[in-house]
Amino acid sequence: MSDGKNFYYRQKVTEAELDAAFNDLEVADRNAATDWGLEGVFVGLDVSEHAPNNLTVDVTAGRAYDNAGQRIEVPASQNVDVSEDYLAVSTAVATPGNEKIVSLSIKFDRALSDPRTDGNAATVYHQRSESFVLRVRQGSEGASPATPPVIPADEVRLANIVMVNAQTQVTNSDIVVTTREDFFRYATANLSSVAGTIRAALVQLQDHIEAVIGGTGLTAAAIAYAGGGVWADGTTNPATTVEAQLDKIIADLTAAGSNKIYSQPLAAGSPDTVSDETVFNQLTELLGLINLRGGLTYNNTWTGVNKFNGASAILPGIVNDRTAVGGYVLLGEFGDGIGSKIRLYASGNGFTFTTNAAYGGATWTKDFNVLDAYKWEWGSNGQHKYAYDDVNHATITWLGEKQLAYYETQRKPLLTGGSMGGTFFTTSDLNQKRIVDTPGTGTDVKVNVGPVLQNDIVRFRATFGVRFMSGTPAPSIVASVYFGGSEHAVAGTHRRVVTDGELITIFGEYTMPSDQGMAEVALLIQNAAAGTTELEGEFTLQADVLR
């Protein structure tokens, strides 16, 4: 809104009052223009060479606003002489090799018309139309690039013209329009926009955005990269374009890239950590730790579930360097899938195999209280034991501990003969030689069983194949149990008369009347009467203990 005047009835209005009322409206109009920042060329007013070429230029019709918000309109094209400035001073360049900048600007003016004579007989121009003045100004002559002239603040520059020595015409190549003071103008190394209206400026801005999004405008090659820090291996990253830097990153990472990336320390592992260094060095360190930890010469503790699906390559023998606990060395333990473990121990006199039982130095404890615990011992002294605990508790009390017996099998060639004057013939050396024996002498063909306890049952089975060589009478084969220095009769078919070429099987069992050490099952040859007999053959003798 503008300032206003309140005229009243029968007021005698003066010229100054009427002029002030109209001036208020003009001031309001100009204030609105300056408030909106309307300054510079809005449309048209383009400067170009004249045809035919001479020292004049053409200016198209157009509009502009000055810094006071005054509207400057050129209704039709204008031809402007630039051979001299607005002060009628020549713009010619006197010295060859020098140049001079001539500026063409436009200024708001009033065109006075309709002259009238007032009461004082003075001429007054009743019509005061908006108009313009085109001004030619020149800078100082000098070497290129010359300095352009300064344009007053109330003028709007339309173009600069470069003049040189002995110039007779102005062409478009001499006209510099980048200095034109448009209403909207910006320029960077990559983008520029010149517009006379806000709408036109927004359209150009939208075009720039579309070009960037569509990939046809701003490119990585047009964006500057100021440079950055060095890679971990010392390779530098100097200033260049974004395109070149992206290409360099790919090339750097392709060539020994793991040496260029730095990594924080890997300190969460146990028992090993990896220090802060390049990725390549960390991977190298990790590989070394893996090779070390998985090596057969390293004491590995596998905390996870391990499965071995390859072909077995287990060799005889167990090598163990673990410390003994209470006389037992744990060779291995395995989960059985139900909460307990299976373990194998080595001790001073053999091996111990357990399920759901672990030895802690003084007591045996269960892995899973509600499950039974079992223990088997194989002694190097020939004593084998078995025990169990079927009570729901943690600390084990072994129940039903029993000794396990074993049996021996002998298979030897037999050749006997000679004068047998006694009842028994026994020998331990039957390697194809004749033996002449007397009753009660010699040693038995025997196997050891035990140790045996009271009520243990000693069982045996012998297979004997012979043929007569010579002599009489036919002997008998007898199997007997010996302990405490004497023979004990057995139940079963334990005596058979030898028949030439017959395969003889004798067997029997004997219940022990008391605890003993090792017992013997002996195989003897017995003659019914004195005589000379020669035999040849072989036998198999087996014996065990049932408890």
Protein backbone atom coordinates (compact mmCIF):
# COMPACT_ATOMS: atom_id res chain seq x y z
CA MET A 1 0.00 0.00 0.00
CA SER A 2 1.07 3.58 -0.55
CA ASP A 3 0.92 6.65 1.58
CA GLY A 4 -2.29 8.66 0.96
CA LYS A 5 -3.66 12.22 0.98
CA ASN A 6 -7.06 13.20 2.43
CA PHE A 7 -8.49 15.96 0.25
CA TYR A 8 -11.48 17.79 1.72
CA TYR A 9 -14.53 19.71 0.59
CA ARG A 10 -13.76 23.13 -0.89
CA GLN A 11 -10.06 22.56 -0.45
CA LYS A 12 -7.94 24.62 -2.76
CA VAL A 13 -5.46 21.98 -3.94
CA THR A 14 -1.98 23.16 -4.81
CA GLU A 15 0.30 21.77 -7.50
CA ALA A 16 2.66 20.36 -4.87
CA GLU A 17 -0.17 18.50 -3.16
CA LEU A 18 -1.33 16.90 -6.38
CA ASP A 19 2.27 15.94 -7.29
CA ALA A 20 2.80 14.42 -3.84
CA ALA A 21 -0.30 12.22 -4.17
CA PHE A 22 0.97 10.76 -7.42
CA ASN A 23 4.51 10.41 -6.03
CA ASP A 24 3.16 8.36 -3.12
CA LEU A 25 1.75 5.81 -5.58
CA GLU A 26 5.08 5.61 -7.47
CA VAL A 27 7.00 5.13 -4.22
CA ALA A 28 4.68 2.28 -3.19
CA ASP A 29 5.16 0.62 -6.58
CA ARG A 30 8.95 0.86 -6.37
CA ASN A 31 9.04 -0.32 -2.74
CA ALA A 32 7.17 -3.46 -3.76
CA ALA A 33 9.77 -4.11 -6.47
CA THR A 34 12.71 -3.66 -4.11
CA ASP A 35 11.01 -5.76 -1.41
CA TRP A 36 10.82 -8.62 -3.89
CA GLY A 37 14.44 -8.08 -4.89
CA LEU A 38 13.48 -7.19 -8.47
CA GLU A 39 16.71 -5.81 -9.87
CA GLY A 40 18.39 -6.46 -13.23
CA VAL A 41 17.26 -7.49 -16.69
CA PHE A 42 13.96 -9.36 -16.69
CA VAL A 43 13.50 -10.04 -20.37
CA GLY A 44 15.10 -9.06 -23.68
CA LEU A 45 17.73 -6.29 -23.90
CA ASP A 46 20.11 -8.67 -25.67
CA VAL A 47 23.21 -7.05 -27.22
CA SER A 48 24.53 -8.29 -30.60
CA GLU A 49 26.54 -7.14 -33.62
CA HIS A 50 24.90 -4.84 -36.15
CA ALA A 51 24.48 -5.86 -39.75
CA PRO A 52 26.42 -4.75 -41.62
CA ASN A 53 29.21 -4.76 -39.04
CA ASN A 54 30.44 -1.38 -37.85
CA LEU A 55 31.17 0.27 -34.55
CA THR A 56 27.55 0.02 -33.43
CA VAL A 57 25.59 -2.74 -31.68
CA ASP A 58 21.92 -3.64 -31.56
CA VAL A 59 19.85 -3.92 -28.35
CA THR A 60 16.55 -5.81 -28.47
CA ALA A 61 13.37 -4.63 -26.77
CA GLY A 62 12.99 -5.64 -23.15
CA ARG A 63 12.53 -4.67 -19.53
CA ALA A 64 14.68 -4.23 -16.45
CA TYR A 65 14.47 -2.86 -12.90
CA ASP A 66 17.10 -0.68 -11.29
CA ASN A 67 18.21 -0.77 -7.65
CA ALA A 68 15.45 1.71 -6.69
CA GLY A 69 12.73 -0.54 -8.11
CA GLN A 70 12.15 1.73 -11.14
CA ARG A 71 10.86 -0.11 -14.18
CA ILE A 72 12.95 0.41 -17.30
CA GLU A 73 11.31 -0.57 -20.56
CA VAL A 74 12.74 -0.50 -24.07
CA PRO A 75 9.74 -0.90 -26.38
CA ALA A 76 11.70 -1.44 -29.60
CA SER A 77 15.18 -2.48 -30.76
CA GLN A 78 17.89 0.16 -30.47
CA ASN A 79 21.14 0.73 -32.37
CA VAL A 80 23.90 2.11 -30.15
CA ASP A 81 27.14 3.74 -31.32
CA VAL A 82 30.05 2.48 -29.21
CA SER A 83 32.79 4.38 -31.02
CA GLU A 84 32.53 7.02 -28.27
CA ASP A 85 31.19 7.08 -24.73
CA TYR A 86 28.22 9.03 -23.37
CA LEU A 87 30.55 11.98 -22.85
CA ALA A 88 31.44 11.95 -26.57
CA VAL A 89 34.98 10.70 -25.83
CA SER A 90 36.41 8.25 -28.41
CA THR A 91 36.69 4.65 -27.35
CA ALA A 92 39.49 3.88 -29.82
CA VAL A 93 42.58 1.99 -28.55
CA ALA A 94 45.71 4.01 -29.28
CA THR A 95 48.49 1.48 -28.71
CA PRO A 96 48.80 -1.78 -30.67
CA GLY A 97 48.62 -4.85 -28.37
CA ASN A 98 46.46 -3.03 -25.83
CA GLU A 99 42.74 -3.36 -25.32
CA LYS A 100 39.90 -1.45 -23.71
CA ILE A 101 36.63 -2.58 -22.16
CA VAL A 102 33.53 -0.63 -23.22
CA SER A 103 30.40 -1.23 -21.14
CA LEU A 104 26.82 -0.70 -22.34
CA SER A 105 24.29 -0.04 -19.58
CA ILE A 106 20.71 1.18 -19.29
CA LYS A 107 19.26 3.80 -16.92
CA PHE A 108 15.73 4.85 -15.94
CA ASP A 109 14.59 8.21 -17.39
CA ARG A 110 11.48 10.32 -17.98
CA ALA A 111 10.30 11.32 -21.45
CA LEU A 112 8.61 14.78 -21.23
CA SER A 113 5.84 15.69 -23.67
CA ASP A 114 2.64 17.74 -24.10
CA PRO A 115 4.09 21.19 -23.24
CA ARG A 116 1.70 23.71 -21.64
CA THR A 117 1.95 27.25 -20.28
CA ASP A 118 1.12 27.78 -16.64
CA GLY A 119 -0.20 30.91 -14.94
CA ASN A 120 3.29 32.31 -14.68
CA ALA A 121 3.73 32.02 -18.46
CA ALA A 122 6.24 29.12 -17.93
CA THR A 123 6.28 26.03 -20.10
CA VAL A 124 5.22 22.88 -18.25
CA TYR A 125 5.37 19.35 -19.80
CA HIS A 126 2.13 17.80 -18.75
CA GLN A 127 3.06 14.19 -19.83
CA ARG A 128 6.03 12.56 -18.00
CA SER A 129 6.33 9.01 -19.45
CA GLU A 130 8.66 6.26 -18.20
CA SER A 131 11.68 5.98 -20.52
CA PHE A 132 15.31 4.91 -20.62
CA VAL A 133 18.81 6.02 -21.48
CA LEU A 134 21.49 3.72 -22.97
CA ARG A 135 24.91 4.66 -21.68
CA VAL A 136 28.32 3.83 -23.15
CA ARG A 137 31.18 3.92 -20.64
CA GLN A 138 34.83 2.99 -21.19
CA GLY A 139 37.58 1.64 -18.98
CA SER A 140 41.27 2.40 -19.12
CA GLU A 141 43.38 1.16 -22.03
CA GLY A 142 45.91 -1.49 -21.07
CA ALA A 143 47.29 -4.97 -21.64
CA SER A 144 44.88 -7.89 -21.73
CA PRO A 145 42.89 -8.40 -19.69
CA ALA A 146 41.88 -4.76 -19.39
CA THR A 147 39.83 -3.44 -16.48
CA PRO A 148 36.14 -2.74 -17.23
CA PRO A 149 34.62 0.61 -16.20
CA VAL A 150 32.62 1.01 -12.99
CA ILE A 151 28.85 1.21 -13.58
CA PRO A 152 26.81 3.49 -11.24
CA ALA A 153 24.46 1.69 -8.87
CA ASP A 154 21.31 3.05 -10.56
CA GLU A 155 22.32 1.62 -13.94
CA VAL A 156 22.00 -1.98 -15.19
CA ARG A 157 24.90 -3.40 -17.27
CA LEU A 158 23.82 -5.10 -20.50
CA ALA A 159 27.21 -6.22 -21.89
CA ASN A 160 30.95 -5.55 -22.12
CA ILE A 161 32.65 -5.00 -25.49
CA VAL A 162 36.37 -5.65 -25.99
CA MET A 163 37.98 -2.99 -28.20
CA VAL A 164 41.47 -3.27 -29.72
CA ASN A 165 43.80 -1.02 -31.71
CA ALA A 166 42.59 0.06 -35.18
CA GLN A 167 39.22 -1.66 -34.71
CA THR A 168 36.61 -0.71 -37.31
CA GLN A 169 33.74 -3.03 -36.43
CA VAL A 170 32.21 -4.92 -33.55
CA THR A 171 31.27 -8.59 -33.93
CA ASN A 172 29.60 -11.02 -31.57
CA SER A 173 33.02 -12.42 -30.64
CA ASP A 174 33.88 -9.01 -29.14
CA ILE A 175 30.71 -8.88 -27.03
CA VAL A 176 30.91 -10.43 -23.52
CA VAL A 177 27.42 -11.18 -22.23
CA THR A 178 28.53 -13.06 -19.09
CA THR A 179 28.80 -9.70 -17.33
CA ARG A 180 25.14 -8.91 -18.08
CA GLU A 181 23.27 -8.05 -14.88
CA ASP A 182 20.25 -10.31 -15.19
CA PHE A 183 17.62 -10.47 -12.49
CA PHE A 184 18.62 -14.10 -11.75
CA ARG A 185 22.13 -15.22 -12.58
CA TYR A 186 24.49 -17.69 -10.94
CA ALA A 187 27.44 -19.62 -12.21
CA THR A 188 29.78 -22.23 -10.74
CA ALA A 189 32.45 -24.42 -12.23
CA ASN A 190 29.76 -26.94 -13.18
CA LEU A 191 26.39 -25.17 -13.40
CA SER A 192 25.08 -21.77 -14.47
CA SER A 193 21.70 -20.14 -14.82
CA VAL A 194 20.56 -16.82 -16.28
CA ALA A 195 16.90 -15.79 -15.99
CA GLY A 196 14.85 -12.64 -15.91
CA THR A 197 11.95 -13.98 -13.86
CA ILE A 198 11.54 -16.22 -10.85
CA ARG A 199 9.53 -18.67 -12.95
CA ALA A 200 12.25 -18.88 -15.58
CA ALA A 201 14.91 -19.35 -12.87
CA LEU A 202 12.92 -22.19 -11.29
CA VAL A 203 12.46 -23.87 -14.66
CA GLN A 204 16.21 -23.75 -15.25
CA LEU A 205 16.88 -25.10 -11.77
CA GLN A 206 14.46 -27.95 -12.38
CA ASP A 207 16.24 -28.71 -15.65
CA HIS A 208 19.55 -28.90 -13.77
CA ILE A 209 18.07 -31.29 -11.20
CA GLU A 210 16.56 -33.50 -13.88
CA ALA A 211 19.89 -33.60 -15.69
CA VAL A 212 21.69 -34.71 -12.51
CA ILE A 213 19.11 -37.39 -11.69
CA GLY A 214 19.02 -38.59 -15.28
CA GLY A 215 22.79 -38.75 -15.52
CA THR A 216 23.04 -36.29 -18.40
CA GLY A 217 24.06 -33.27 -16.40
CA LEU A 218 26.39 -33.18 -13.44
CA THR A 219 28.91 -36.04 -13.63
CA ALA A 220 31.47 -37.36 -11.21
CA ALA A 221 34.18 -36.12 -13.55
CA ALA A 222 32.86 -32.57 -13.03
CA ILE A 223 32.91 -32.71 -9.21
CA ALA A 224 36.10 -31.84 -7.43
CA TYR A 225 37.68 -34.07 -4.79
CA ALA A 226 39.87 -32.06 -2.44
CA GLY A 227 42.12 -34.98 -1.49
CA GLY A 228 42.20 -37.10 1.63
CA GLY A 229 44.26 -39.18 4.00
CA VAL A 230 46.61 -41.95 3.03
CA TRP A 231 45.86 -45.68 2.91
CA ALA A 232 47.19 -47.87 5.70
CA ASP A 233 50.20 -48.81 3.55
CA GLY A 234 51.08 -45.14 2.92
CA THR A 235 49.52 -44.78 -0.56
CA THR A 236 48.38 -41.17 -0.95
CA ASN A 237 45.04 -39.81 -2.21
CA PRO A 238 45.77 -36.40 -3.77
CA ALA A 239 43.23 -33.85 -5.02
CA THR A 240 41.44 -34.80 -8.24
CA THR A 241 37.89 -35.33 -9.46
CA VAL A 242 35.34 -37.64 -7.87
CA GLU A 243 35.44 -39.81 -11.00
CA ALA A 244 39.21 -40.18 -10.88
CA GLN A 245 39.19 -40.87 -7.14
CA LEU A 246 36.57 -43.61 -7.47
CA ASP A 247 38.65 -45.21 -10.23
CA LYS A 248 41.71 -44.96 -8.00
CA ILE A 249 39.93 -46.60 -5.05
CA ILE A 250 38.98 -49.57 -7.22
CA ALA A 251 42.51 -49.83 -8.60
CA ASP A 252 44.08 -49.51 -5.13
CA LEU A 253 41.84 -52.19 -3.62
CA THR A 254 42.39 -54.51 -6.57
CA ALA A 255 46.16 -54.33 -6.12
CA ALA A 256 46.99 -55.58 -2.60
CA GLY A 257 43.86 -53.95 -1.20
CA SER A 258 44.04 -55.76 2.14
CA ASN A 259 47.31 -53.93 2.81
CA LYS A 260 45.56 -50.59 2.43
CA ILE A 261 42.70 -51.08 4.92
CA TYR A 262 43.36 -50.66 8.63
CA SER A 263 41.39 -52.70 11.15
CA GLN A 264 40.78 -52.31 14.86
CA PRO A 265 42.25 -54.96 17.21
CA LEU A 266 40.34 -58.23 17.54
CA ALA A 267 40.50 -58.48 21.30
CA ALA A 268 37.35 -60.46 22.09
CA GLY A 269 38.84 -63.88 21.37
CA SER A 270 40.24 -66.39 23.82
CA PRO A 271 42.94 -67.52 24.24
CA ASP A 272 44.30 -65.45 21.34
CA THR A 273 43.81 -61.85 20.18
CA VAL A 274 44.82 -60.03 17.01
CA SER A 275 46.46 -56.60 17.20
CA ASP A 276 45.32 -53.49 15.30
CA GLU A 277 46.98 -53.44 11.88
CA THR A 278 46.17 -53.85 8.21
CA VAL A 279 43.59 -56.42 7.15
CA PHE A 280 46.32 -58.36 5.33
CA ASN A 281 48.48 -58.57 8.45
CA GLN A 282 45.48 -59.56 10.59
CA LEU A 283 44.53 -62.32 8.15
CA THR A 284 48.14 -63.52 8.12
CA GLU A 285 48.16 -63.55 11.92
CA LEU A 286 44.83 -65.39 12.06
CA LEU A 287 46.06 -68.01 9.59
CA GLY A 288 49.12 -68.57 11.74
CA LEU A 289 46.95 -69.01 14.84
CA ILE A 290 44.64 -71.43 13.01
CA ASN A 291 47.57 -73.50 11.76
CA LEU A 292 49.03 -73.50 15.27
CA ARG A 293 45.82 -74.31 17.13
CA GLY A 294 44.83 -77.08 14.76
CA GLY A 295 48.28 -78.66 14.65
CA LEU A 296 48.83 -82.08 16.17
CA THR A 297 51.79 -80.73 18.12
CA TYR A 298 49.59 -78.23 19.97
CA ASN A 299 47.50 -78.80 23.08
CA ASN A 300 44.04 -78.07 21.68
CA THR A 301 40.90 -77.55 23.73
CA TRP A 302 37.86 -77.90 21.47
CA THR A 303 34.93 -76.19 23.21
CA GLY A 304 32.41 -76.91 20.43
CA VAL A 305 30.91 -80.13 19.13
CA ASN A 306 33.42 -81.69 16.71
CA LYS A 307 32.56 -84.23 14.03
CA PHE A 308 35.02 -86.19 11.94
CA ASN A 309 33.41 -87.47 8.74
CA GLY A 310 36.57 -88.45 6.88
CA ALA A 311 38.09 -91.91 6.57
CA SER A 312 39.63 -93.24 9.78
CA ALA A 313 43.40 -92.96 10.07
CA ILE A 314 43.81 -93.86 13.75
CA LEU A 315 47.13 -95.55 14.46
CA PRO A 316 47.77 -98.01 17.32
CA GLY A 317 48.83 -96.45 20.59
CA ILE A 318 47.80 -93.35 22.53
CA VAL A 319 50.14 -90.45 23.24
CA ASN A 320 49.03 -88.31 26.13
CA ASP A 321 50.78 -85.57 28.07
CA ARG A 322 48.01 -84.64 30.49
CA THR A 323 48.71 -84.51 34.21
CA ALA A 324 47.50 -87.44 36.27
CA VAL A 325 44.72 -86.76 38.82
CA GLY A 326 44.73 -89.15 41.75
CA GLY A 327 46.54 -91.82 39.74
CA TYR A 328 44.28 -91.48 36.66
CA VAL A 329 45.09 -89.73 33.39
CA LEU A 330 42.06 -88.75 31.28
CA LEU A 331 42.80 -89.86 27.70
CA GLY A 332 39.50 -88.74 26.20
CA GLU A 333 35.87 -87.98 26.88
CA PHE A 334 32.85 -88.02 24.56
CA GLY A 335 29.25 -86.87 24.95
CA ASP A 336 26.68 -89.66 24.76
CA GLY A 337 23.81 -87.33 23.79
CA ILE A 338 21.76 -87.76 27.00
CA GLY A 339 23.65 -85.56 29.44
CA SER A 340 26.52 -87.80 30.50
CA LYS A 341 29.92 -88.57 29.04
CA ILE A 342 31.98 -91.59 28.14
CA ARG A 343 35.59 -91.46 29.39
CA LEU A 344 38.79 -93.44 29.00
CA TYR A 345 41.46 -93.21 31.72
CA ALA A 346 44.97 -94.59 31.99
CA SER A 347 46.25 -95.63 35.41
CA GLY A 348 49.32 -97.30 36.83
CA ASN A 349 48.09 -100.83 36.18
CA GLY A 350 46.01 -100.51 32.99
CA PHE A 351 42.97 -98.72 31.56
CA THR A 352 39.60 -97.67 33.00
CA PHE A 353 36.49 -97.09 30.87
CA THR A 354 33.53 -95.22 32.45
CA THR A 355 30.08 -93.94 31.49
CA ASN A 356 28.53 -91.05 33.44
CA ALA A 357 31.49 -91.04 35.86
CA ALA A 358 34.40 -88.61 36.29
CA TYR A 359 37.33 -88.91 38.68
CA GLY A 360 38.26 -85.77 40.62
CA GLY A 361 41.26 -86.97 42.60
CA ALA A 362 39.50 -88.39 45.64
CA THR A 363 35.97 -89.29 44.59
CA TRP A 364 34.04 -90.32 41.49
CA THR A 365 31.12 -88.03 40.53
CA LYS A 366 28.26 -88.33 38.05
CA ASP A 367 27.66 -86.09 35.06
CA PHE A 368 23.92 -86.67 35.31
CA ASN A 369 22.66 -87.72 38.73
CA VAL A 370 19.56 -89.69 37.66
CA LEU A 371 21.51 -91.94 35.29
CA ASP A 372 23.45 -95.03 36.34
CA ALA A 373 27.25 -94.94 36.36
CA TYR A 374 29.46 -97.81 35.14
CA LYS A 375 33.16 -98.58 35.37
CA TRP A 376 35.29 -101.26 33.67
CA GLU A 377 38.95 -101.76 34.53
CA TRP A 378 41.50 -103.76 32.57
CA GLY A 379 44.57 -104.40 34.69
CA SER A 380 48.01 -105.16 33.34
CA ASN A 381 48.37 -107.67 36.20
CA GLY A 382 45.58 -109.82 34.80
CA GLN A 383 42.90 -108.50 37.18
CA HIS A 384 39.84 -107.07 35.45
CA LYS A 385 36.99 -105.42 37.35
CA TYR A 386 33.46 -104.22 36.80
CA ALA A 387 31.31 -101.94 39.03
CA TYR A 388 28.22 -99.74 38.88
CA ASP A 389 26.19 -97.14 40.82
CA ASP A 390 22.42 -96.99 40.22
CA VAL A 391 21.55 -94.46 42.96
CA ASN A 392 20.32 -90.92 42.13
CA HIS A 393 23.12 -88.84 43.64
CA ALA A 394 26.20 -86.88 42.57
CA THR A 395 29.00 -88.66 44.46
CA ILE A 396 29.46 -92.25 43.34
CA THR A 397 29.65 -95.30 45.62
CA TRP A 398 30.64 -98.23 43.45
CA LEU A 399 28.37 -101.25 43.97
CA GLY A 400 28.65 -104.88 42.91
CA GLU A 401 32.34 -104.63 42.13
CA LYS A 402 33.42 -107.94 40.59
CA GLN A 403 36.53 -109.26 38.96
CA LEU A 404 36.35 -110.27 35.33
CA ALA A 405 38.20 -113.52 34.39
CA TYR A 406 39.89 -114.23 31.10
CA TYR A 407 40.83 -117.35 29.21
CA GLU A 408 43.80 -118.56 27.26
CA THR A 409 43.87 -120.68 24.14
CA GLN A 410 46.80 -122.99 23.32
CA ARG A 411 47.31 -124.68 19.99
CA LYS A 412 50.47 -126.77 19.68
CA PRO A 413 51.71 -129.80 17.71
CA LEU A 414 51.98 -132.95 19.88
CA LEU A 415 54.29 -135.90 19.60
CA THR A 416 54.50 -138.24 22.66
CA GLY A 417 55.80 -141.72 23.25
CA GLY A 418 58.08 -143.97 25.18
CA SER A 419 57.86 -146.25 28.20
CA MET A 420 55.11 -144.92 30.45
CA GLY A 421 55.48 -146.65 33.81
CA GLY A 422 53.20 -144.40 35.77
CA THR A 423 49.66 -143.15 35.82
CA PHE A 424 50.16 -139.62 34.54
CA PHE A 425 52.20 -138.21 31.72
CA THR A 426 52.55 -134.40 31.67
CA THR A 427 54.70 -132.11 29.59
CA SER A 428 55.08 -128.40 28.71
CA ASP A 429 57.34 -129.01 25.71
CA LEU A 430 55.59 -130.90 22.94
CA ASN A 431 57.67 -129.65 20.01
CA GLN A 432 57.79 -132.99 18.15
CA LYS A 433 59.95 -135.13 20.44
CA ARG A 434 59.46 -138.37 22.26
CA ILE A 435 59.27 -138.15 26.04
CA VAL A 436 59.72 -141.04 28.45
CA ASP A 437 58.15 -140.11 31.76
CA THR A 438 57.48 -141.66 35.09
CA PRO A 439 54.49 -141.07 37.32
CA GLY A 440 54.36 -137.62 38.90
CA THR A 441 57.17 -136.07 36.88
CA GLY A 442 57.24 -133.48 34.14
CA THR A 443 55.05 -130.37 33.65
CA ASP A 444 51.50 -129.91 32.46
CA VAL A 445 50.13 -128.59 29.16
CA LYS A 446 48.01 -125.91 30.80
CA VAL A 447 46.25 -122.53 30.65
CA ASN A 448 45.91 -119.99 33.47
CA VAL A 449 42.58 -118.57 34.65
CA GLY A 450 41.69 -116.16 37.39
CA PRO A 451 42.23 -114.86 39.88
CA VAL A 452 39.34 -116.99 41.07
CA LEU A 453 37.02 -116.45 44.03
CA GLN A 454 34.84 -118.73 46.08
CA ASN A 455 31.84 -120.02 44.04
CA ASP A 456 33.46 -119.01 40.74
CA ILE A 457 32.91 -121.63 38.08
CA VAL A 458 35.99 -122.65 36.09
CA ARG A 459 35.00 -123.91 32.66
CA PHE A 460 37.13 -125.52 29.98
CA ARG A 461 36.86 -127.06 26.57
CA ALA A 462 39.57 -129.04 24.74
CA THR A 463 39.70 -130.42 21.23
CA PHE A 464 42.30 -133.12 20.64
CA GLY A 465 43.16 -134.91 17.42
CA VAL A 466 45.77 -137.78 17.52
CA ARG A 467 46.94 -140.88 15.74
CA PHE A 468 48.90 -143.83 17.11
CA MET A 469 52.47 -144.14 16.07
CA SER A 470 53.33 -147.33 17.97
CA GLY A 471 53.05 -149.09 21.30
CA THR A 472 50.36 -150.09 23.74
CA PRO A 473 48.14 -149.63 25.59
CA ALA A 474 45.81 -146.85 24.26
CA PRO A 475 46.12 -143.83 26.60
CA SER A 476 43.38 -141.51 27.85
CA ILE A 477 43.26 -137.70 27.59
CA VAL A 478 42.39 -136.05 30.90
CA ALA A 479 41.61 -132.39 31.67
CA SER A 480 41.82 -131.33 35.33
CA VAL A 481 41.72 -128.15 37.42
CA TYR A 482 44.82 -127.47 39.53
CA PHE A 483 45.18 -125.02 42.39
CA GLY A 484 46.84 -125.11 45.78
CA GLY A 485 49.41 -127.61 44.43
CA SER A 486 46.97 -130.45 43.68
CA GLU A 487 44.59 -131.78 41.08
CA HIS A 488 40.84 -131.47 41.54
CA ALA A 489 38.27 -133.57 39.81
CA VAL A 490 35.78 -131.85 37.59
CA ALA A 491 32.21 -132.52 36.52
CA GLY A 492 31.59 -133.32 32.88
CA THR A 493 33.24 -135.37 30.16
CA HIS A 494 36.83 -134.61 31.12
CA ARG A 495 38.43 -138.01 30.27
CA ARG A 496 38.49 -139.73 26.91
CA VAL A 497 40.35 -142.79 25.63
CA VAL A 498 42.39 -141.97 22.57
CA THR A 499 41.25 -143.65 19.38
CA ASP A 500 43.49 -143.52 16.35
CA GLY A 501 42.42 -140.69 14.03
CA GLU A 502 39.53 -139.53 16.22
CA LEU A 503 38.76 -135.85 16.91
CA ILE A 504 38.20 -135.81 20.66
CA THR A 505 36.32 -133.07 22.52
CA ILE A 506 36.35 -133.00 26.29
CA PHE A 507 34.78 -130.35 28.50
CA GLY A 508 33.85 -129.71 32.08
CA GLU A 509 33.42 -127.18 34.87
CA TYR A 510 34.46 -126.89 38.50
CA THR A 511 32.99 -124.70 41.30
CA MET A 512 35.72 -123.10 43.41
CA PRO A 513 35.39 -123.94 47.11
CA SER A 514 37.41 -120.89 48.22
CA ASP A 515 39.20 -117.76 46.99
CA GLN A 516 42.38 -118.57 45.14
CA GLY A 517 45.00 -116.83 43.13
CA MET A 518 45.56 -118.07 39.63
CA ALA A 519 44.15 -121.50 38.80
CA GLU A 520 45.29 -123.84 36.04
CA VAL A 521 43.43 -126.08 33.65
CA ALA A 522 45.87 -128.81 32.58
CA LEU A 523 45.67 -131.36 29.77
CA LEU A 524 47.32 -134.69 30.59
CA ILE A 525 47.93 -138.06 28.89
CA GLN A 526 47.16 -141.06 31.12
CA ASN A 527 47.93 -144.73 30.52
CA ALA A 528 45.66 -147.39 31.99
CA ALA A 529 48.72 -149.60 32.57
CA ALA A 530 52.45 -149.56 32.08
CA GLY A 531 53.47 -149.76 28.49
CA THR A 532 55.01 -148.06 25.53
CA THR A 533 52.89 -145.74 23.39
CA GLU A 534 53.82 -143.32 20.63
CA LEU A 535 51.27 -140.62 19.63
CA GLU A 536 51.21 -137.69 17.23
CA GLY A 537 48.64 -134.86 16.96
CA GLU A 538 47.59 -131.37 18.09
CA PHE A 539 45.08 -129.86 20.48
CA THR A 540 43.19 -126.65 21.38
CA LEU A 541 42.47 -125.88 25.03
CA GLN A 542 40.24 -123.04 26.27
CA ALA A 543 39.24 -122.06 29.80
CA ASP A 544 37.41 -119.20 31.52
CA VAL A 545 35.72 -118.26 34.78
CA LEU A 546 32.00 -117.63 35.25
CA ARG A 547 31.14 -115.39 38.17
